[in-house]
Amino acid sequence: MLATFVSPSATNEVMIFRFLFILALSFLLTSMSYAQSYAVDIARDSARSNKRTGGHVQKAVLVRGDPNIRISINLPSFQLTLWQNGNEIRSYPIGIGLEEFPVAVGNRRATSIEWNPVWIPPSSDWIEKSSTVKAGEIILPTDPRNPLGKVKIPLGYGFLIHQAKGPADMGSLVSHGCVRVMQPDLYDLSEKIVAALSLNVTPAQISAAKRNKKSLLAPLEPFVAVEVTYDTIVVEDGRLNIYPDVYRHKRNTVENVRRELQTSGVDDGQLTDAEIRKMIAAAVGKRKFVVSVAAIRNGTALAAGRTVAVVQATRGE
């Protein structure tokens, strides 16, 4: 394991060498503050279908030194969840990519955690249109042009988990293909990963990185598996959740609602197609439609169902 500090006060030659070393190491591994108000959603469920969880999600406290962890990200529910041994450790609200820059669905690997990260603008149309940065330029953590905030977790191919700009990012399409997490939540996620993998990074080093602008790199050995999904219709813990089809993939259909119910062992015989269309129509913008499985079975789904915000925003610490 390796933790590397980079000092902005070093000579230009040393500073450049150290940053290039960090970038090379990150590639080889496969490739503001607590006082602000932020979105807190600790009680949110994991948005995992009954078909994957057996009908119930077991929540647990992180076990230090147990490396059997993974991350799931469901885009329509704007949610990132940390799992350990099949148990949900904690779920966090997120912001995701703009419609023209969607977060890619699939299996990825988190290969490192970097506090006070450098940013290298990618070769992309939106960078070419920028008047402030150039593709391939090394943007230091001390540079106000660096948009990554205090922490980044690379997922490969230029995709990142990194700090959000503010509460408005949560439940919104805001990035160029990256996942944004509020700073306190990102600190919490990072420190849970460090504890589970027993990384050679001390609390004192992390605390110092929070206070200053020195880069601290912690390779993830082993890597942490990350699954990115696009599940708009989810039956879990006795409820049907219909999330907004944020990337307009035409997933919210009568047929797909019936398929999710039936494959989850829920009798949909009391639901008419017209009722399902009304349920789907309610899941728009930043709101989802939620109804109990019991109400679906007894024919009162529309009356008993409700629309709620996908991300519950409250005052942070």
C-alpha atoms as a PDB file:
ATOM      1  CA  MET A   1       0.000   0.000   0.000  1.00  0.00           C
ATOM      2  CA  LEU A   2       1.198   3.557  -0.639  1.00  0.00           C
ATOM      3  CA  ALA A   3       0.230   7.018   0.542  1.00  0.00           C
ATOM      4  CA  THR A   4       1.901   9.903  -1.333  1.00  0.00           C
ATOM      5  CA  PHE A   5       1.966  13.582  -0.311  1.00  0.00           C
ATOM      6  CA  VAL A   6       2.659  16.316  -2.854  1.00  0.00           C
ATOM      7  CA  SER A   7       3.600  19.793  -1.596  1.00  0.00           C
ATOM      8  CA  PRO A   8       2.620  22.840  -3.644  1.00  0.00           C
ATOM      9  CA  SER A   9       5.520  24.672  -1.971  1.00  0.00           C
ATOM     10  CA  ALA A  10       8.118  22.348  -3.508  1.00  0.00           C
ATOM     11  CA  THR A  11      10.182  23.488  -6.475  1.00  0.00           C
ATOM     12  CA  ASN A  12       8.459  23.360  -9.847  1.00  0.00           C
ATOM     13  CA  GLU A  13      10.579  20.422 -10.976  1.00  0.00           C
ATOM     14  CA  VAL A  14       9.895  18.333  -7.890  1.00  0.00           C
ATOM     15  CA  MET A  15       6.232  19.262  -7.871  1.00  0.00           C
ATOM     16  CA  ILE A  16       5.761  18.302 -11.516  1.00  0.00           C
ATOM     17  CA  PHE A  17       7.659  15.043 -11.025  1.00  0.00           C
ATOM     18  CA  ARG A  18       5.533  14.059  -8.048  1.00  0.00           C
ATOM     19  CA  PHE A  19       2.261  14.875  -9.755  1.00  0.00           C
ATOM     20  CA  LEU A  20       3.314  12.920 -12.841  1.00  0.00           C
ATOM     21  CA  PHE A  21       4.227  10.029 -10.561  1.00  0.00           C
ATOM     22  CA  ILE A  22       0.738  10.111  -9.010  1.00  0.00           C
ATOM     23  CA  LEU A  23      -0.889  10.238 -12.426  1.00  0.00           C
ATOM     24  CA  ALA A  24       1.234   7.389 -13.759  1.00  0.00           C
ATOM     25  CA  LEU A  25       0.478   5.274 -10.713  1.00  0.00           C
ATOM     26  CA  SER A  26      -3.237   5.957 -11.055  1.00  0.00           C
ATOM     27  CA  PHE A  27      -3.077   4.911 -14.708  1.00  0.00           C
ATOM     28  CA  LEU A  28      -1.207   1.748 -13.860  1.00  0.00           C
ATOM     29  CA  LEU A  29      -3.878   0.866 -11.335  1.00  0.00           C
ATOM     30  CA  THR A  30      -6.273   0.626 -14.356  1.00  0.00           C
ATOM     31  CA  SER A  31      -6.605   3.067 -15.900  1.00  0.00           C
ATOM     32  CA  MET A  32     -16.784  23.941   1.264  1.00  0.00           C
ATOM     33  CA  SER A  33     -16.526  22.502   4.305  1.00  0.00           C
ATOM     34  CA  TYR A  34     -18.617  20.731   6.924  1.00  0.00           C
ATOM     35  CA  ALA A  35     -20.424  23.968   7.716  1.00  0.00           C
ATOM     36  CA  GLN A  36     -22.244  24.065   4.390  1.00  0.00           C
ATOM     37  CA  SER A  37     -25.821  22.895   4.028  1.00  0.00           C
ATOM     38  CA  TYR A  38     -26.081  19.677   2.070  1.00  0.00           C
ATOM     39  CA  ALA A  39     -28.472  16.881   1.181  1.00  0.00           C
ATOM     40  CA  VAL A  40     -28.639  14.236   3.882  1.00  0.00           C
ATOM     41  CA  ASP A  41     -30.487  11.058   3.076  1.00  0.00           C
ATOM     42  CA  ILE A  42     -29.077   8.468   5.457  1.00  0.00           C
ATOM     43  CA  ALA A  43     -32.337   6.536   5.792  1.00  0.00           C
ATOM     44  CA  ARG A  44     -32.835   5.949   2.076  1.00  0.00           C
ATOM     45  CA  ASP A  45     -33.105   2.391   0.824  1.00  0.00           C
ATOM     46  CA  SER A  46     -30.657   0.875  -1.597  1.00  0.00           C
ATOM     47  CA  ALA A  47     -32.874   0.781  -4.731  1.00  0.00           C
ATOM     48  CA  ARG A  48     -32.066  -2.883  -5.282  1.00  0.00           C
ATOM     49  CA  SER A  49     -34.714  -5.130  -6.750  1.00  0.00           C
ATOM     50  CA  ASN A  50     -36.130  -8.034  -4.729  1.00  0.00           C
ATOM     51  CA  LYS A  51     -34.776 -10.297  -7.446  1.00  0.00           C
ATOM     52  CA  ARG A  52     -31.265  -9.403  -6.298  1.00  0.00           C
ATOM     53  CA  THR A  53     -31.803  -9.156  -2.572  1.00  0.00           C
ATOM     54  CA  GLY A  54     -34.228 -11.999  -1.918  1.00  0.00           C
ATOM     55  CA  GLY A  55     -36.902  -9.516  -0.874  1.00  0.00           C
ATOM     56  CA  HIS A  56     -35.081  -7.759   1.938  1.00  0.00           C
ATOM     57  CA  VAL A  57     -32.012  -5.585   2.293  1.00  0.00           C
ATOM     58  CA  GLN A  58     -30.060  -6.249   5.465  1.00  0.00           C
ATOM     59  CA  LYS A  59     -28.423  -3.099   6.808  1.00  0.00           C
ATOM     60  CA  ALA A  60     -25.258  -3.395   8.871  1.00  0.00           C
ATOM     61  CA  VAL A  61     -22.397  -1.449  10.405  1.00  0.00           C
ATOM     62  CA  LEU A  62     -19.077  -1.586   8.547  1.00  0.00           C
ATOM     63  CA  VAL A  63     -16.661  -4.256   9.752  1.00  0.00           C
ATOM     64  CA  ARG A  64     -13.130  -2.862   9.755  1.00  0.00           C
ATOM     65  CA  GLY A  65     -10.592  -5.100   8.031  1.00  0.00           C
ATOM     66  CA  ASP A  66     -13.195  -7.017   5.991  1.00  0.00           C
ATOM     67  CA  PRO A  67     -12.363  -6.267   2.332  1.00  0.00           C
ATOM     68  CA  ASN A  68     -15.506  -7.874   0.878  1.00  0.00           C
ATOM     69  CA  ILE A  69     -16.989  -4.542  -0.205  1.00  0.00           C
ATOM     70  CA  ARG A  70     -18.503  -3.230  -3.406  1.00  0.00           C
ATOM     71  CA  ILE A  71     -20.392  -0.202  -4.655  1.00  0.00           C
ATOM     72  CA  SER A  72     -23.628   0.011  -6.612  1.00  0.00           C
ATOM     73  CA  ILE A  73     -24.891   3.122  -8.362  1.00  0.00           C
ATOM     74  CA  ASN A  74     -28.442   3.300  -9.683  1.00  0.00           C
ATOM     75  CA  LEU A  75     -28.754   6.349 -11.895  1.00  0.00           C
ATOM     76  CA  PRO A  76     -32.557   6.984 -11.908  1.00  0.00           C
ATOM     77  CA  SER A  77     -32.675   6.792  -8.095  1.00  0.00           C
ATOM     78  CA  PHE A  78     -29.647   9.129  -7.821  1.00  0.00           C
ATOM     79  CA  GLN A  79     -28.103   6.756  -5.349  1.00  0.00           C
ATOM     80  CA  LEU A  80     -24.737   5.245  -4.515  1.00  0.00           C
ATOM     81  CA  THR A  81     -24.629   2.359  -2.036  1.00  0.00           C
ATOM     82  CA  LEU A  82     -21.665   0.780  -0.240  1.00  0.00           C
ATOM     83  CA  TRP A  83     -22.111  -2.953   0.450  1.00  0.00           C
ATOM     84  CA  GLN A  84     -20.137  -5.364   2.611  1.00  0.00           C
ATOM     85  CA  ASN A  85     -20.786  -9.109   2.527  1.00  0.00           C
ATOM     86  CA  GLY A  86     -24.149  -8.481   0.890  1.00  0.00           C
ATOM     87  CA  ASN A  87     -25.260  -6.044   3.594  1.00  0.00           C
ATOM     88  CA  GLU A  88     -26.037  -2.406   2.926  1.00  0.00           C
ATOM     89  CA  ILE A  89     -23.573  -0.264   4.875  1.00  0.00           C
ATOM     90  CA  ARG A  90     -24.840   3.114   3.720  1.00  0.00           C
ATOM     91  CA  SER A  91     -26.506   4.791   0.742  1.00  0.00           C
ATOM     92  CA  TYR A  92     -25.704   8.313  -0.425  1.00  0.00           C
ATOM     93  CA  PRO A  93     -27.585  10.730  -2.715  1.00  0.00           C
ATOM     94  CA  ILE A  94     -25.705  11.729  -5.849  1.00  0.00           C
ATOM     95  CA  GLY A  95     -25.736  13.934  -8.920  1.00  0.00           C
ATOM     96  CA  ILE A  96     -25.116  12.330 -12.309  1.00  0.00           C
ATOM     97  CA  GLY A  97     -24.204  13.166 -15.893  1.00  0.00           C
ATOM     98  CA  LEU A  98     -26.120  15.518 -18.126  1.00  0.00           C
ATOM     99  CA  GLU A  99     -28.347  13.909 -20.735  1.00  0.00           C
ATOM    100  CA  GLU A 100     -25.741  14.629 -23.406  1.00  0.00           C
ATOM    101  CA  PHE A 101     -22.969  13.299 -21.103  1.00  0.00           C
ATOM    102  CA  PRO A 102     -24.622  10.322 -19.352  1.00  0.00           C
ATOM    103  CA  VAL A 103     -22.886   8.183 -16.768  1.00  0.00           C
ATOM    104  CA  ALA A 104     -22.029   4.932 -18.523  1.00  0.00           C
ATOM    105  CA  VAL A 105     -23.891   1.831 -17.319  1.00  0.00           C
ATOM    106  CA  GLY A 106     -21.766  -1.244 -16.614  1.00  0.00           C
ATOM    107  CA  ASN A 107     -19.209  -2.797 -14.301  1.00  0.00           C
ATOM    108  CA  ARG A 108     -16.244  -0.677 -13.272  1.00  0.00           C
ATOM    109  CA  ARG A 109     -13.334  -0.711 -10.821  1.00  0.00           C
ATOM    110  CA  ALA A 110     -12.508   1.893  -8.221  1.00  0.00           C
ATOM    111  CA  THR A 111      -8.711   1.842  -8.207  1.00  0.00           C
ATOM    112  CA  SER A 112      -7.673   4.616  -5.839  1.00  0.00           C
ATOM    113  CA  ILE A 113      -8.789   7.420  -3.566  1.00  0.00           C
ATOM    114  CA  GLU A 114      -7.097  10.789  -3.931  1.00  0.00           C
ATOM    115  CA  TRP A 115      -7.595  13.639  -1.486  1.00  0.00           C
ATOM    116  CA  ASN A 116      -6.875  17.101  -2.967  1.00  0.00           C
ATOM    117  CA  PRO A 117      -6.773  15.603  -6.449  1.00  0.00           C
ATOM    118  CA  VAL A 118      -5.203  16.954  -9.589  1.00  0.00           C
ATOM    119  CA  TRP A 119      -7.434  17.274 -12.635  1.00  0.00           C
ATOM    120  CA  ILE A 120      -6.434  16.601 -16.223  1.00  0.00           C
ATOM    121  CA  PRO A 121      -9.143  17.908 -18.577  1.00  0.00           C
ATOM    122  CA  PRO A 122     -10.086  15.158 -21.047  1.00  0.00           C
ATOM    123  CA  SER A 123      -9.988  15.445 -24.803  1.00  0.00           C
ATOM    124  CA  SER A 124     -13.642  16.298 -25.271  1.00  0.00           C
ATOM    125  CA  ASP A 125     -15.844  18.755 -27.120  1.00  0.00           C
ATOM    126  CA  TRP A 126     -16.821  20.561 -23.939  1.00  0.00           C
ATOM    127  CA  ILE A 127     -13.162  21.065 -23.034  1.00  0.00           C
ATOM    128  CA  GLU A 128     -12.331  22.297 -26.526  1.00  0.00           C
ATOM    129  CA  LYS A 129     -15.036  24.942 -26.112  1.00  0.00           C
ATOM    130  CA  SER A 130     -13.578  26.057 -22.786  1.00  0.00           C
ATOM    131  CA  SER A 131     -11.619  29.290 -22.665  1.00  0.00           C
ATOM    132  CA  THR A 132      -9.983  28.483 -19.322  1.00  0.00           C
ATOM    133  CA  VAL A 133      -8.477  24.973 -19.618  1.00  0.00           C
ATOM    134  CA  LYS A 134      -6.905  22.763 -22.273  1.00  0.00           C
ATOM    135  CA  ALA A 135      -7.099  18.999 -22.743  1.00  0.00           C
ATOM    136  CA  GLY A 136      -4.188  17.255 -21.031  1.00  0.00           C
ATOM    137  CA  GLU A 137      -3.310  20.250 -18.862  1.00  0.00           C
ATOM    138  CA  ILE A 138      -2.391  19.438 -15.248  1.00  0.00           C
ATOM    139  CA  ILE A 139      -4.721  21.412 -12.987  1.00  0.00           C
ATOM    140  CA  LEU A 140      -3.352  21.408  -9.434  1.00  0.00           C
ATOM    141  CA  PRO A 141      -5.555  21.121  -6.340  1.00  0.00           C
ATOM    142  CA  THR A 142      -4.635  24.713  -5.478  1.00  0.00           C
ATOM    143  CA  ASP A 143      -5.960  25.950  -8.835  1.00  0.00           C
ATOM    144  CA  PRO A 144      -9.479  27.471  -8.678  1.00  0.00           C
ATOM    145  CA  ARG A 145     -10.168  25.930 -12.104  1.00  0.00           C
ATOM    146  CA  ASN A 146     -10.024  22.435 -10.561  1.00  0.00           C
ATOM    147  CA  PRO A 147     -13.678  21.241 -10.287  1.00  0.00           C
ATOM    148  CA  LEU A 148     -13.051  17.979  -8.415  1.00  0.00           C
ATOM    149  CA  GLY A 149     -13.159  19.300  -4.869  1.00  0.00           C
ATOM    150  CA  LYS A 150     -11.431  17.488  -2.014  1.00  0.00           C
ATOM    151  CA  VAL A 151     -11.712  13.852  -3.163  1.00  0.00           C
ATOM    152  CA  LYS A 152     -11.844  11.825  -6.346  1.00  0.00           C
ATOM    153  CA  ILE A 153     -12.273   8.071  -6.856  1.00  0.00           C
ATOM    154  CA  PRO A 154     -11.350   7.041 -10.427  1.00  0.00           C
ATOM    155  CA  LEU A 155     -13.538   4.397 -12.072  1.00  0.00           C
ATOM    156  CA  GLY A 156     -11.469   4.009 -15.233  1.00  0.00           C
ATOM    157  CA  TYR A 157     -11.768   5.509 -18.737  1.00  0.00           C
ATOM    158  CA  GLY A 158     -11.892   9.020 -17.317  1.00  0.00           C
ATOM    159  CA  PHE A 159     -15.005   8.428 -15.205  1.00  0.00           C
ATOM    160  CA  LEU A 160     -14.836   9.622 -11.608  1.00  0.00           C
ATOM    161  CA  ILE A 161     -16.678   9.825  -8.343  1.00  0.00           C
ATOM    162  CA  HIS A 162     -15.856  13.285  -6.992  1.00  0.00           C
ATOM    163  CA  GLN A 163     -17.141  16.116  -4.821  1.00  0.00           C
ATOM    164  CA  ALA A 164     -20.354  17.901  -5.745  1.00  0.00           C
ATOM    165  CA  LYS A 165     -20.508  21.668  -6.104  1.00  0.00           C
ATOM    166  CA  GLY A 166     -23.414  21.943  -3.685  1.00  0.00           C
ATOM    167  CA  PRO A 167     -26.808  20.613  -2.580  1.00  0.00           C
ATOM    168  CA  ALA A 168     -28.423  21.515  -5.918  1.00  0.00           C
ATOM    169  CA  ASP A 169     -26.326  18.794  -7.578  1.00  0.00           C
ATOM    170  CA  MET A 170     -28.136  16.072  -5.659  1.00  0.00           C
ATOM    171  CA  GLY A 171     -30.874  14.442  -7.725  1.00  0.00           C
ATOM    172  CA  SER A 172     -29.823  16.443 -10.773  1.00  0.00           C
ATOM    173  CA  LEU A 173     -28.184  15.935 -14.165  1.00  0.00           C
ATOM    174  CA  VAL A 174     -25.123  18.124 -13.689  1.00  0.00           C
ATOM    175  CA  SER A 175     -21.834  16.526 -14.752  1.00  0.00           C
ATOM    176  CA  HIS A 176     -19.917  15.495 -17.842  1.00  0.00           C
ATOM    177  CA  GLY A 177     -20.296  11.778 -17.136  1.00  0.00           C
ATOM    178  CA  CYS A 178     -19.084  11.677 -13.528  1.00  0.00           C
ATOM    179  CA  VAL A 179     -20.852  10.913 -10.260  1.00  0.00           C
ATOM    180  CA  ARG A 180     -20.972  13.790  -7.769  1.00  0.00           C
ATOM    181  CA  VAL A 181     -21.252  13.255  -4.005  1.00  0.00           C
ATOM    182  CA  MET A 182     -21.510  15.853  -1.250  1.00  0.00           C
ATOM    183  CA  GLN A 183     -18.225  16.459   0.571  1.00  0.00           C
ATOM    184  CA  PRO A 184     -19.199  15.025   3.993  1.00  0.00           C
ATOM    185  CA  ASP A 185     -20.683  11.936   2.312  1.00  0.00           C
ATOM    186  CA  LEU A 186     -17.607  11.510   0.128  1.00  0.00           C
ATOM    187  CA  TYR A 187     -15.366  11.745   3.185  1.00  0.00           C
ATOM    188  CA  ASP A 188     -17.523   9.120   4.900  1.00  0.00           C
ATOM    189  CA  LEU A 189     -17.468   6.769   1.898  1.00  0.00           C
ATOM    190  CA  SER A 190     -13.703   7.136   1.467  1.00  0.00           C
ATOM    191  CA  GLU A 191     -12.938   6.483   5.122  1.00  0.00           C
ATOM    192  CA  LYS A 192     -15.197   3.425   5.161  1.00  0.00           C
ATOM    193  CA  ILE A 193     -13.304   2.026   2.162  1.00  0.00           C
ATOM    194  CA  VAL A 194      -9.975   2.760   3.861  1.00  0.00           C
ATOM    195  CA  ALA A 195     -11.140   0.944   7.013  1.00  0.00           C
ATOM    196  CA  ALA A 196     -12.530  -2.071   5.173  1.00  0.00           C
ATOM    197  CA  LEU A 197      -9.410  -2.568   3.057  1.00  0.00           C
ATOM    198  CA  SER A 198      -7.011  -1.710   5.910  1.00  0.00           C
ATOM    199  CA  LEU A 199      -5.185   0.744   3.673  1.00  0.00           C
ATOM    200  CA  ASN A 200      -1.904   2.214   4.806  1.00  0.00           C
ATOM    201  CA  VAL A 201      -3.388   5.667   5.296  1.00  0.00           C
ATOM    202  CA  THR A 202      -3.688   7.005   8.820  1.00  0.00           C
ATOM    203  CA  PRO A 203      -6.503   9.125  10.274  1.00  0.00           C
ATOM    204  CA  ALA A 204      -3.919  11.837  10.871  1.00  0.00           C
ATOM    205  CA  GLN A 205      -2.956  11.878   7.183  1.00  0.00           C
ATOM    206  CA  ILE A 206      -6.601  12.055   6.121  1.00  0.00           C
ATOM    207  CA  SER A 207      -7.317  14.787   8.641  1.00  0.00           C
ATOM    208  CA  ALA A 208      -4.361  16.803   7.352  1.00  0.00           C
ATOM    209  CA  ALA A 209      -5.521  16.348   3.744  1.00  0.00           C
ATOM    210  CA  LYS A 210      -8.925  17.745   4.701  1.00  0.00           C
ATOM    211  CA  ARG A 211      -7.276  20.857   6.130  1.00  0.00           C
ATOM    212  CA  ASN A 212      -4.691  21.562   3.464  1.00  0.00           C
ATOM    213  CA  LYS A 213      -4.161  21.301  -0.296  1.00  0.00           C
ATOM    214  CA  LYS A 214      -1.532  18.564  -0.305  1.00  0.00           C
ATOM    215  CA  SER A 215      -2.434  15.541  -2.430  1.00  0.00           C
ATOM    216  CA  LEU A 216      -2.769  12.202  -0.672  1.00  0.00           C
ATOM    217  CA  LEU A 217      -3.065   9.092  -2.838  1.00  0.00           C
ATOM    218  CA  ALA A 218      -4.295   5.713  -1.582  1.00  0.00           C
ATOM    219  CA  PRO A 219      -4.312   2.906  -4.163  1.00  0.00           C
ATOM    220  CA  LEU A 220      -7.162   0.442  -3.618  1.00  0.00           C
ATOM    221  CA  GLU A 221      -5.674  -3.021  -3.289  1.00  0.00           C
ATOM    222  CA  PRO A 222      -7.733  -4.963  -4.098  1.00  0.00           C
ATOM    223  CA  PHE A 223      -9.829  -2.726  -6.324  1.00  0.00           C
ATOM    224  CA  VAL A 224     -13.435  -2.094  -5.329  1.00  0.00           C
ATOM    225  CA  ALA A 225     -16.027  -3.374  -7.808  1.00  0.00           C
ATOM    226  CA  VAL A 226     -18.537  -0.738  -8.908  1.00  0.00           C
ATOM    227  CA  GLU A 227     -21.776  -1.633 -10.681  1.00  0.00           C
ATOM    228  CA  VAL A 228     -23.637   1.171 -12.462  1.00  0.00           C
ATOM    229  CA  THR A 229     -27.264   0.333 -13.301  1.00  0.00           C
ATOM    230  CA  TYR A 230     -30.261   2.033 -14.875  1.00  0.00           C
ATOM    231  CA  ASP A 231     -33.214   0.574 -12.971  1.00  0.00           C
ATOM    232  CA  THR A 232     -36.295   2.785 -13.132  1.00  0.00           C
ATOM    233  CA  ILE A 233     -38.768   0.198 -11.789  1.00  0.00           C
ATOM    234  CA  VAL A 234     -37.818  -1.500  -8.538  1.00  0.00           C
ATOM    235  CA  VAL A 235     -39.793  -3.720  -6.137  1.00  0.00           C
ATOM    236  CA  GLU A 236     -38.027  -3.764  -2.786  1.00  0.00           C
ATOM    237  CA  ASP A 237     -38.994  -4.295   0.838  1.00  0.00           C
ATOM    238  CA  GLY A 238     -42.712  -4.440   0.114  1.00  0.00           C
ATOM    239  CA  ARG A 239     -42.879  -1.387  -2.163  1.00  0.00           C
ATOM    240  CA  LEU A 240     -42.949  -0.638  -5.854  1.00  0.00           C
ATOM    241  CA  ASN A 241     -40.757   2.346  -6.757  1.00  0.00           C
ATOM    242  CA  ILE A 242     -41.077   3.960 -10.175  1.00  0.00           C
ATOM    243  CA  TYR A 243     -38.207   6.383 -10.727  1.00  0.00           C
ATOM    244  CA  PRO A 244     -38.115   9.042 -13.458  1.00  0.00           C
ATOM    245  CA  ASP A 245     -36.625   7.879 -16.764  1.00  0.00           C
ATOM    246  CA  VAL A 246     -33.933  10.556 -16.532  1.00  0.00           C
ATOM    247  CA  TYR A 247     -32.110   9.666 -19.751  1.00  0.00           C
ATOM    248  CA  ARG A 248     -35.351   9.021 -21.648  1.00  0.00           C
ATOM    249  CA  HIS A 249     -34.557   5.386 -22.436  1.00  0.00           C
ATOM    250  CA  LYS A 250     -38.283   4.534 -22.546  1.00  0.00           C
ATOM    251  CA  ARG A 251     -37.937   2.122 -19.628  1.00  0.00           C
ATOM    252  CA  ASN A 252     -41.121   3.208 -17.846  1.00  0.00           C
ATOM    253  CA  THR A 253     -43.756   1.229 -19.724  1.00  0.00           C
ATOM    254  CA  VAL A 254     -46.821  -0.747 -18.696  1.00  0.00           C
ATOM    255  CA  GLU A 255     -45.102  -3.927 -19.828  1.00  0.00           C
ATOM    256  CA  ASN A 256     -41.993  -3.268 -17.748  1.00  0.00           C
ATOM    257  CA  VAL A 257     -43.994  -2.454 -14.619  1.00  0.00           C
ATOM    258  CA  ARG A 258     -45.929  -5.710 -14.973  1.00  0.00           C
ATOM    259  CA  ARG A 259     -42.724  -7.641 -15.637  1.00  0.00           C
ATOM    260  CA  GLU A 260     -41.051  -6.263 -12.496  1.00  0.00           C
ATOM    261  CA  LEU A 261     -44.105  -7.063 -10.383  1.00  0.00           C
ATOM    262  CA  GLN A 262     -44.535 -10.560 -11.747  1.00  0.00           C
ATOM    263  CA  THR A 263     -40.865 -11.527 -11.515  1.00  0.00           C
ATOM    264  CA  SER A 264     -40.879 -10.226  -7.945  1.00  0.00           C
ATOM    265  CA  GLY A 265     -43.792 -12.482  -7.039  1.00  0.00           C
ATOM    266  CA  VAL A 266     -46.423  -9.711  -6.935  1.00  0.00           C
ATOM    267  CA  ASP A 267     -49.889 -10.384  -8.377  1.00  0.00           C
ATOM    268  CA  ASP A 268     -50.691  -7.497 -10.747  1.00  0.00           C
ATOM    269  CA  GLY A 269     -54.156  -8.731 -11.645  1.00  0.00           C
ATOM    270  CA  GLN A 270     -55.890  -5.856  -9.836  1.00  0.00           C
ATOM    271  CA  LEU A 271     -53.972  -3.222 -11.804  1.00  0.00           C
ATOM    272  CA  THR A 272     -55.366  -1.906 -15.075  1.00  0.00           C
ATOM    273  CA  ASP A 273     -53.132  -0.575 -17.816  1.00  0.00           C
ATOM    274  CA  ALA A 274     -54.690   2.861 -17.349  1.00  0.00           C
ATOM    275  CA  GLU A 275     -53.780   2.858 -13.652  1.00  0.00           C
ATOM    276  CA  ILE A 276     -50.193   1.887 -14.435  1.00  0.00           C
ATOM    277  CA  ARG A 277     -49.928   4.715 -16.971  1.00  0.00           C
ATOM    278  CA  LYS A 278     -51.042   7.193 -14.297  1.00  0.00           C
ATOM    279  CA  MET A 279     -48.447   5.804 -11.897  1.00  0.00           C
ATOM    280  CA  ILE A 280     -45.743   6.173 -14.544  1.00  0.00           C
ATOM    281  CA  ALA A 281     -46.876   9.709 -15.394  1.00  0.00           C
ATOM    282  CA  ALA A 282     -46.394  10.694 -11.752  1.00  0.00           C
ATOM    283  CA  ALA A 283     -42.701   9.738 -11.854  1.00  0.00           C
ATOM    284  CA  VAL A 284     -41.253  12.802 -13.568  1.00  0.00           C
ATOM    285  CA  GLY A 285     -38.641  15.438 -12.881  1.00  0.00           C
ATOM    286  CA  LYS A 286     -37.141  14.795  -9.474  1.00  0.00           C
ATOM    287  CA  ARG A 287     -40.056  12.789  -8.107  1.00  0.00           C
ATOM    288  CA  LYS A 288     -40.773   9.066  -7.929  1.00  0.00           C
ATOM    289  CA  PHE A 289     -44.008   7.138  -7.458  1.00  0.00           C
ATOM    290  CA  VAL A 290     -44.130   4.758  -4.483  1.00  0.00           C
ATOM    291  CA  VAL A 291     -46.847   2.291  -3.511  1.00  0.00           C
ATOM    292  CA  SER A 292     -46.961  -0.741  -1.252  1.00  0.00           C
ATOM    293  CA  VAL A 293     -47.181  -4.213  -2.725  1.00  0.00           C
ATOM    294  CA  ALA A 294     -50.187  -4.833  -0.451  1.00  0.00           C
ATOM    295  CA  ALA A 295     -52.075  -1.946  -2.088  1.00  0.00           C
ATOM    296  CA  ILE A 296     -51.300  -3.335  -5.531  1.00  0.00           C
ATOM    297  CA  ARG A 297     -52.653  -6.734  -4.548  1.00  0.00           C
ATOM    298  CA  ASN A 298     -55.887  -5.351  -3.105  1.00  0.00           C
ATOM    299  CA  GLY A 299     -56.585  -2.965  -5.984  1.00  0.00           C
ATOM    300  CA  THR A 300     -55.966   0.368  -4.222  1.00  0.00           C
ATOM    301  CA  ALA A 301     -52.605   1.247  -5.793  1.00  0.00           C
ATOM    302  CA  LEU A 302     -53.562   4.664  -7.147  1.00  0.00           C
ATOM    303  CA  ALA A 303     -55.316   5.782  -3.991  1.00  0.00           C
ATOM    304  CA  ALA A 304     -52.590   4.487  -1.683  1.00  0.00           C
ATOM    305  CA  GLY A 305     -49.612   5.473  -3.819  1.00  0.00           C
ATOM    306  CA  ARG A 306     -47.803   8.793  -3.556  1.00  0.00           C
ATOM    307  CA  THR A 307     -45.139  10.833  -5.270  1.00  0.00           C
ATOM    308  CA  VAL A 308     -42.099  11.856  -3.252  1.00  0.00           C
ATOM    309  CA  ALA A 309     -38.811  13.560  -4.013  1.00  0.00           C
ATOM    310  CA  VAL A 310     -36.159  11.141  -5.194  1.00  0.00           C
ATOM    311  CA  VAL A 311     -33.628  12.916  -2.995  1.00  0.00           C
ATOM    312  CA  GLN A 312     -34.788  14.308   0.332  1.00  0.00           C
ATOM    313  CA  ALA A 313     -32.921  17.565   0.959  1.00  0.00           C
ATOM    314  CA  THR A 314     -32.449  18.681   4.561  1.00  0.00           C
ATOM    315  CA  ARG A 315     -30.067  20.964   6.405  1.00  0.00           C
ATOM    316  CA  GLY A 316     -26.648  19.424   6.854  1.00  0.00           C
ATOM    317  CA  GLU A 317     -24.107  19.759   9.622  1.00  0.00           C
END
